[in-house]
């Protein structure tokens, strides 16, 4: 009889486990940039995306359960003049670029001496 009772209790417990919602366990908690003034409860923080993510609750909450709120979409500028002023007037010609001329005298002397040390010192500018 006790074996039969244990079997039923185990079946009921398993049924209860699968019938409970898992959504609260998976729900993500929103980050705040700072602790709100006068906020009740215990607040902790974790580094998320290089910023302190403040959240209400126990410390060391899993990073996967924390998220920053979605940023509002940036409205496009309505004024065409603002858009036109933001664009460059005319792109430059890349073939008109000027190369920087380096002082080649130390390198020429190093090549004449043909030693590794002389070439290296000329290369690093000593």
N, C-alpha and C. Protein backbone atom coordinates (compact mmCIF):
# COMPACT_ATOMS: atom_id res chain seq x y z
N UNK A 1 0.81 -1.20 0.00
CA UNK A 1 0.00 0.00 0.00
C UNK A 1 0.85 1.26 0.00
N UNK A 2 1.94 1.26 0.79
CA UNK A 2 2.79 2.44 0.83
C UNK A 2 3.51 2.64 -0.50
N UNK A 3 3.82 1.57 -1.17
CA UNK A 3 4.47 1.67 -2.48
C UNK A 3 3.52 2.34 -3.48
N UNK A 4 2.25 1.98 -3.42
CA UNK A 4 1.24 2.55 -4.30
C UNK A 4 1.03 4.04 -3.98
N UNK A 5 1.06 4.41 -2.69
CA UNK A 5 0.89 5.78 -2.27
C UNK A 5 2.07 6.64 -2.71
N UNK A 6 3.27 6.13 -2.58
CA UNK A 6 4.48 6.85 -3.03
C UNK A 6 4.44 7.09 -4.53
N UNK A 7 3.97 6.11 -5.25
CA UNK A 7 3.86 6.24 -6.71
C UNK A 7 2.89 7.36 -7.08
N UNK A 8 1.76 7.43 -6.39
CA UNK A 8 0.76 8.48 -6.67
C UNK A 8 1.30 9.86 -6.30
N UNK A 9 1.97 9.94 -5.16
CA UNK A 9 2.53 11.23 -4.72
C UNK A 9 3.58 11.71 -5.73
N UNK A 10 4.40 10.81 -6.19
CA UNK A 10 5.42 11.16 -7.18
C UNK A 10 4.76 11.63 -8.49
N UNK A 11 3.70 10.95 -8.90
CA UNK A 11 2.98 11.34 -10.12
C UNK A 11 2.36 12.72 -9.97
N UNK A 12 1.78 13.00 -8.82
CA UNK A 12 1.17 14.32 -8.57
C UNK A 12 2.24 15.41 -8.56
N UNK A 13 3.36 15.13 -7.94
CA UNK A 13 4.45 16.13 -7.91
C UNK A 13 4.99 16.42 -9.30
N UNK A 14 5.16 15.43 -10.12
CA UNK A 14 5.64 15.63 -11.48
C UNK A 14 4.61 16.41 -12.29
N UNK A 15 3.33 16.08 -12.11
CA UNK A 15 2.28 16.82 -12.82
C UNK A 15 2.26 18.29 -12.40
N UNK A 16 2.47 18.56 -11.12
CA UNK A 16 2.49 19.95 -10.64
C UNK A 16 3.70 20.68 -11.21
N UNK A 17 4.81 19.99 -11.30
CA UNK A 17 6.03 20.61 -11.82
C UNK A 17 5.83 21.06 -13.27
N UNK A 18 5.24 20.21 -14.09
CA UNK A 18 5.05 20.55 -15.50
C UNK A 18 3.89 21.50 -15.73
N UNK A 19 2.96 21.60 -14.78
CA UNK A 19 1.82 22.50 -14.97
C UNK A 19 2.13 23.94 -14.56
N UNK A 20 3.18 24.13 -13.77
CA UNK A 20 3.53 25.49 -13.36
C UNK A 20 4.19 26.21 -14.52
N UNK A 21 3.97 27.49 -14.56
CA UNK A 21 4.52 28.31 -15.65
C UNK A 21 5.99 28.57 -15.39
N UNK A 22 6.80 28.47 -16.42
CA UNK A 22 8.22 28.73 -16.30
C UNK A 22 8.53 30.18 -16.69
N UNK A 23 7.57 30.92 -17.16
CA UNK A 23 7.78 32.29 -17.63
C UNK A 23 8.42 33.20 -16.59
N UNK A 24 8.01 33.19 -15.32
CA UNK A 24 8.67 34.08 -14.36
C UNK A 24 10.15 33.77 -14.19
N UNK A 25 10.54 32.51 -14.34
CA UNK A 25 11.95 32.16 -14.19
C UNK A 25 12.77 32.65 -15.37
N UNK A 26 12.17 32.76 -16.54
CA UNK A 26 12.90 33.18 -17.74
C UNK A 26 12.81 34.69 -17.94
N UNK A 27 11.88 35.36 -17.28
CA UNK A 27 11.67 36.79 -17.48
C UNK A 27 12.95 37.56 -17.22
N UNK A 28 13.20 38.53 -18.08
CA UNK A 28 14.40 39.35 -17.94
C UNK A 28 14.08 40.58 -17.10
N UNK A 29 15.06 41.00 -16.34
CA UNK A 29 14.89 42.16 -15.49
C UNK A 29 15.54 43.36 -16.18
N UNK A 30 14.84 44.50 -16.16
CA UNK A 30 15.33 45.70 -16.83
C UNK A 30 16.44 46.36 -16.00
N UNK A 31 17.47 46.83 -16.69
CA UNK A 31 18.56 47.55 -16.05
C UNK A 31 18.19 49.01 -15.90
N UNK A 32 18.79 49.64 -14.92
CA UNK A 32 18.63 51.08 -14.72
C UNK A 32 20.03 51.67 -14.63
N UNK A 33 20.22 52.88 -15.17
CA UNK A 33 21.54 53.51 -15.17
C UNK A 33 21.97 53.89 -13.75
N UNK A 34 21.01 54.15 -12.86
CA UNK A 34 21.32 54.47 -11.48
C UNK A 34 20.15 54.02 -10.61
N UNK A 35 20.39 53.98 -9.29
CA UNK A 35 19.32 53.60 -8.37
C UNK A 35 18.33 54.76 -8.30
N UNK A 36 17.05 54.52 -8.55
CA UNK A 36 16.06 55.59 -8.45
C UNK A 36 16.02 56.17 -7.04
N UNK A 37 15.84 57.48 -6.94
CA UNK A 37 15.81 58.14 -5.63
C UNK A 37 14.63 57.62 -4.82
N UNK A 38 14.89 57.25 -3.59
CA UNK A 38 13.85 56.77 -2.69
C UNK A 38 13.30 55.41 -3.05
N UNK A 39 14.07 54.63 -3.80
CA UNK A 39 13.59 53.30 -4.21
C UNK A 39 13.64 52.36 -3.02
N UNK A 40 12.55 51.64 -2.78
CA UNK A 40 12.56 50.69 -1.66
C UNK A 40 13.30 49.41 -2.06
N UNK A 41 13.70 48.66 -1.07
CA UNK A 41 14.32 47.37 -1.34
C UNK A 41 15.82 47.46 -1.53
N UNK A 42 16.42 46.32 -1.79
CA UNK A 42 17.86 46.20 -1.96
C UNK A 42 18.20 46.26 -3.44
N UNK A 43 19.15 47.10 -3.82
CA UNK A 43 19.56 47.26 -5.22
C UNK A 43 20.98 46.75 -5.39
N UNK A 44 21.23 46.05 -6.45
CA UNK A 44 22.55 45.52 -6.79
C UNK A 44 22.89 45.95 -8.20
N UNK A 45 24.15 45.74 -8.60
CA UNK A 45 24.53 46.07 -9.97
C UNK A 45 25.47 45.02 -10.52
N UNK A 46 25.45 44.91 -11.86
CA UNK A 46 26.38 44.07 -12.63
C UNK A 46 26.86 44.89 -13.81
N UNK A 47 28.04 44.60 -14.30
CA UNK A 47 28.54 45.28 -15.49
C UNK A 47 27.94 44.59 -16.72
N UNK A 48 27.12 45.32 -17.45
CA UNK A 48 26.50 44.82 -18.67
C UNK A 48 26.83 45.81 -19.78
N UNK A 49 27.44 45.35 -20.86
CA UNK A 49 27.83 46.19 -21.99
C UNK A 49 28.71 47.36 -21.56
N UNK A 50 29.58 47.13 -20.59
CA UNK A 50 30.52 48.16 -20.16
C UNK A 50 29.91 49.24 -19.28
N UNK A 51 28.68 49.06 -18.81
CA UNK A 51 28.02 50.03 -17.93
C UNK A 51 27.46 49.31 -16.72
N UNK A 52 27.30 50.08 -15.61
CA UNK A 52 26.69 49.50 -14.42
C UNK A 52 25.20 49.36 -14.64
N UNK A 53 24.73 48.15 -14.53
CA UNK A 53 23.30 47.84 -14.66
C UNK A 53 22.74 47.66 -13.26
N UNK A 54 21.98 48.64 -12.77
CA UNK A 54 21.37 48.56 -11.45
C UNK A 54 20.05 47.83 -11.55
N UNK A 55 19.79 46.93 -10.63
CA UNK A 55 18.54 46.18 -10.61
C UNK A 55 18.15 45.94 -9.16
N UNK A 56 16.87 45.76 -8.93
CA UNK A 56 16.37 45.50 -7.59
C UNK A 56 16.46 44.00 -7.31
N UNK A 57 17.12 43.66 -6.21
CA UNK A 57 17.21 42.25 -5.86
C UNK A 57 18.57 41.85 -5.36
N UNK A 58 18.76 40.56 -5.27
CA UNK A 58 19.98 40.00 -4.70
C UNK A 58 21.17 40.21 -5.64
N UNK A 59 22.38 40.28 -5.07
CA UNK A 59 23.57 40.44 -5.91
C UNK A 59 23.87 39.18 -6.71
N UNK A 60 24.69 39.33 -7.72
CA UNK A 60 25.17 38.25 -8.58
C UNK A 60 24.05 37.55 -9.34
N UNK A 61 23.05 38.31 -9.76
CA UNK A 61 22.01 37.77 -10.63
C UNK A 61 22.66 37.45 -11.97
N UNK A 62 22.22 36.43 -12.63
CA UNK A 62 22.81 36.02 -13.89
C UNK A 62 22.74 37.15 -14.92
N UNK A 63 23.82 37.37 -15.64
CA UNK A 63 23.84 38.44 -16.65
C UNK A 63 22.83 38.17 -17.76
N UNK A 64 22.54 36.92 -18.01
CA UNK A 64 21.59 36.60 -19.07
C UNK A 64 20.17 37.00 -18.69
N UNK A 65 19.92 37.22 -17.41
CA UNK A 65 18.57 37.62 -16.99
C UNK A 65 18.44 39.13 -16.85
N UNK A 66 19.48 39.88 -17.23
CA UNK A 66 19.43 41.34 -17.18
C UNK A 66 19.50 41.89 -18.59
N UNK A 67 18.77 42.99 -18.83
CA UNK A 67 18.82 43.62 -20.14
C UNK A 67 18.56 45.11 -20.01
N UNK A 68 19.16 45.88 -20.90
CA UNK A 68 18.91 47.32 -20.95
C UNK A 68 17.60 47.54 -21.68
N UNK A 69 16.83 48.55 -21.28
CA UNK A 69 15.58 48.84 -21.99
C UNK A 69 15.88 49.23 -23.43
N UNK A 70 14.94 48.95 -24.31
CA UNK A 70 15.13 49.29 -25.72
C UNK A 70 15.20 50.80 -25.87
N UNK A 71 16.14 51.24 -26.70
CA UNK A 71 16.27 52.68 -26.94
C UNK A 71 15.18 53.14 -27.89
N UNK A 72 14.63 54.33 -27.63
CA UNK A 72 13.60 54.83 -28.54
C UNK A 72 14.20 55.12 -29.91
N UNK A 73 13.42 54.91 -30.93
CA UNK A 73 13.89 55.15 -32.30
C UNK A 73 14.15 56.64 -32.49
N UNK A 74 15.25 56.95 -33.17
CA UNK A 74 15.60 58.34 -33.43
C UNK A 74 14.77 58.83 -34.62
N UNK A 75 14.11 59.96 -34.41
CA UNK A 75 13.28 60.50 -35.48
C UNK A 75 14.19 61.13 -36.55
N UNK A 76 13.92 60.89 -37.82
CA UNK A 76 14.72 61.52 -38.87
C UNK A 76 14.45 63.02 -38.92
N UNK A 77 15.46 63.77 -39.33
CA UNK A 77 15.32 65.22 -39.43
C UNK A 77 14.31 65.57 -40.51
N UNK A 78 13.39 66.46 -40.18
CA UNK A 78 12.33 66.83 -41.12
C UNK A 78 12.81 67.91 -42.09
N UNK A 79 13.75 68.70 -41.66
CA UNK A 79 14.20 69.81 -42.47
C UNK A 79 15.27 69.34 -43.47
N UNK A 80 15.03 69.57 -44.75
CA UNK A 80 15.97 69.12 -45.78
C UNK A 80 17.30 69.88 -45.71
N UNK A 81 17.27 71.11 -45.22
CA UNK A 81 18.51 71.88 -45.13
C UNK A 81 19.46 71.25 -44.12
N UNK A 82 18.92 70.73 -43.03
CA UNK A 82 19.76 70.07 -42.04
C UNK A 82 20.42 68.84 -42.63
N UNK A 83 19.68 68.11 -43.43
CA UNK A 83 20.22 66.91 -44.07
C UNK A 83 21.31 67.30 -45.07
N UNK A 84 21.05 68.33 -45.86
CA UNK A 84 22.02 68.76 -46.86
C UNK A 84 23.29 69.29 -46.21
N UNK A 85 23.17 69.96 -45.06
CA UNK A 85 24.35 70.50 -44.41
C UNK A 85 25.18 69.40 -43.75
N UNK A 86 24.56 68.28 -43.43
CA UNK A 86 25.28 67.18 -42.81
C UNK A 86 26.11 66.40 -43.82
N UNK A 87 25.72 66.43 -45.08
CA UNK A 87 26.45 65.70 -46.11
C UNK A 87 27.64 66.52 -46.59
N UNK A 88 28.75 65.88 -46.93
CA UNK A 88 29.88 66.63 -47.46
C UNK A 88 29.52 67.26 -48.81
N UNK A 89 30.08 68.43 -49.05
CA UNK A 89 29.76 69.16 -50.28
C UNK A 89 30.20 68.38 -51.51
N UNK A 90 31.45 67.95 -51.52
CA UNK A 90 31.98 67.24 -52.67
C UNK A 90 33.06 66.29 -52.17
N UNK A 91 32.98 65.03 -52.52
CA UNK A 91 34.02 64.13 -52.06
C UNK A 91 35.36 64.46 -52.71
N UNK A 92 36.43 64.28 -51.96
CA UNK A 92 37.76 64.57 -52.48
C UNK A 92 38.23 63.46 -53.41
N UNK A 93 39.19 63.80 -54.25
CA UNK A 93 39.77 62.84 -55.18
C UNK A 93 40.89 62.09 -54.45
N UNK A 94 40.80 60.78 -54.29
CA UNK A 94 41.84 60.07 -53.56
C UNK A 94 43.19 60.08 -54.29
N UNK A 95 43.18 60.36 -55.58
CA UNK A 95 44.45 60.41 -56.31
C UNK A 95 45.22 61.69 -56.04
N UNK A 96 44.57 62.67 -55.40
CA UNK A 96 45.25 63.92 -55.06
C UNK A 96 45.94 63.85 -53.71
N UNK A 97 45.93 62.70 -53.05
CA UNK A 97 46.52 62.57 -51.72
C UNK A 97 48.02 62.76 -51.80
N UNK A 98 48.58 63.36 -50.76
CA UNK A 98 50.01 63.60 -50.69
C UNK A 98 50.64 62.61 -49.72
N UNK A 99 51.71 61.97 -50.14
CA UNK A 99 52.43 61.05 -49.27
C UNK A 99 53.39 61.84 -48.41
N UNK A 100 53.62 61.36 -47.21
CA UNK A 100 54.54 62.04 -46.31
C UNK A 100 55.97 61.64 -46.66
N UNK A 101 56.81 62.62 -46.93
CA UNK A 101 58.21 62.34 -47.26
C UNK A 101 58.99 62.16 -45.96
N UNK A 102 59.74 61.09 -45.90
CA UNK A 102 60.54 60.82 -44.71
C UNK A 102 61.99 61.18 -44.98
N UNK A 103 62.71 61.48 -43.92
CA UNK A 103 64.13 61.77 -44.02
C UNK A 103 64.85 60.46 -44.30
N UNK A 104 65.41 60.33 -45.48
CA UNK A 104 66.02 59.06 -45.86
C UNK A 104 67.53 59.03 -45.62
N UNK A 105 68.11 60.09 -45.08
CA UNK A 105 69.56 60.12 -44.86
C UNK A 105 70.01 59.05 -43.86
N UNK A 106 69.34 58.88 -42.67
CA UNK A 106 69.80 57.82 -41.75
C UNK A 106 69.66 56.42 -42.37
N UNK A 107 68.63 56.22 -43.15
CA UNK A 107 68.44 54.92 -43.77
C UNK A 107 69.53 54.66 -44.81
N UNK A 108 69.88 55.69 -45.57
CA UNK A 108 70.94 55.53 -46.57
C UNK A 108 72.26 55.17 -45.92
N UNK A 109 72.56 55.83 -44.78
CA UNK A 109 73.81 55.51 -44.08
C UNK A 109 73.76 54.08 -43.54
N UNK A 110 72.61 53.65 -43.05
CA UNK A 110 72.49 52.30 -42.51
C UNK A 110 72.65 51.26 -43.61
N UNK A 111 72.14 51.54 -44.78
CA UNK A 111 72.26 50.59 -45.88
C UNK A 111 73.73 50.46 -46.30
N UNK A 112 74.45 51.60 -46.25
CA UNK A 112 75.86 51.56 -46.60
C UNK A 112 76.64 50.70 -45.62
N UNK A 113 76.31 50.80 -44.30
CA UNK A 113 77.05 50.01 -43.32
C UNK A 113 76.60 48.55 -43.35
N UNK A 114 75.39 48.30 -43.83
CA UNK A 114 74.87 46.96 -44.07
C UNK A 114 74.84 46.07 -42.82
N UNK A 115 74.73 46.67 -41.63
CA UNK A 115 74.59 45.84 -40.43
C UNK A 115 73.14 45.89 -39.96
N UNK A 116 72.72 44.81 -39.34
CA UNK A 116 71.34 44.74 -38.87
C UNK A 116 71.05 45.83 -37.85
N UNK A 117 71.99 46.02 -36.91
CA UNK A 117 71.79 47.03 -35.87
C UNK A 117 71.63 48.42 -36.48
N UNK A 118 72.44 48.75 -37.45
CA UNK A 118 72.35 50.07 -38.08
C UNK A 118 71.02 50.22 -38.82
N UNK A 119 70.62 49.18 -39.52
CA UNK A 119 69.33 49.24 -40.22
C UNK A 119 68.17 49.37 -39.23
N UNK A 120 68.25 48.63 -38.11
CA UNK A 120 67.17 48.70 -37.12
C UNK A 120 67.10 50.08 -36.46
N UNK A 121 68.25 50.63 -36.08
CA UNK A 121 68.25 51.98 -35.47
C UNK A 121 67.72 53.02 -36.45
N UNK A 122 68.05 52.88 -37.72
CA UNK A 122 67.53 53.83 -38.71
C UNK A 122 66.01 53.66 -38.87
N UNK A 123 65.56 52.45 -38.74
CA UNK A 123 64.12 52.16 -38.89
C UNK A 123 63.30 52.74 -37.76
N UNK A 124 63.81 52.58 -36.52
CA UNK A 124 63.03 53.05 -35.38
C UNK A 124 63.34 54.49 -35.03
N UNK A 125 64.27 55.11 -35.74
CA UNK A 125 64.52 56.53 -35.58
C UNK A 125 65.45 56.90 -34.46
N UNK A 126 66.39 56.05 -34.12
CA UNK A 126 67.37 56.38 -33.07
C UNK A 126 68.66 56.79 -33.67
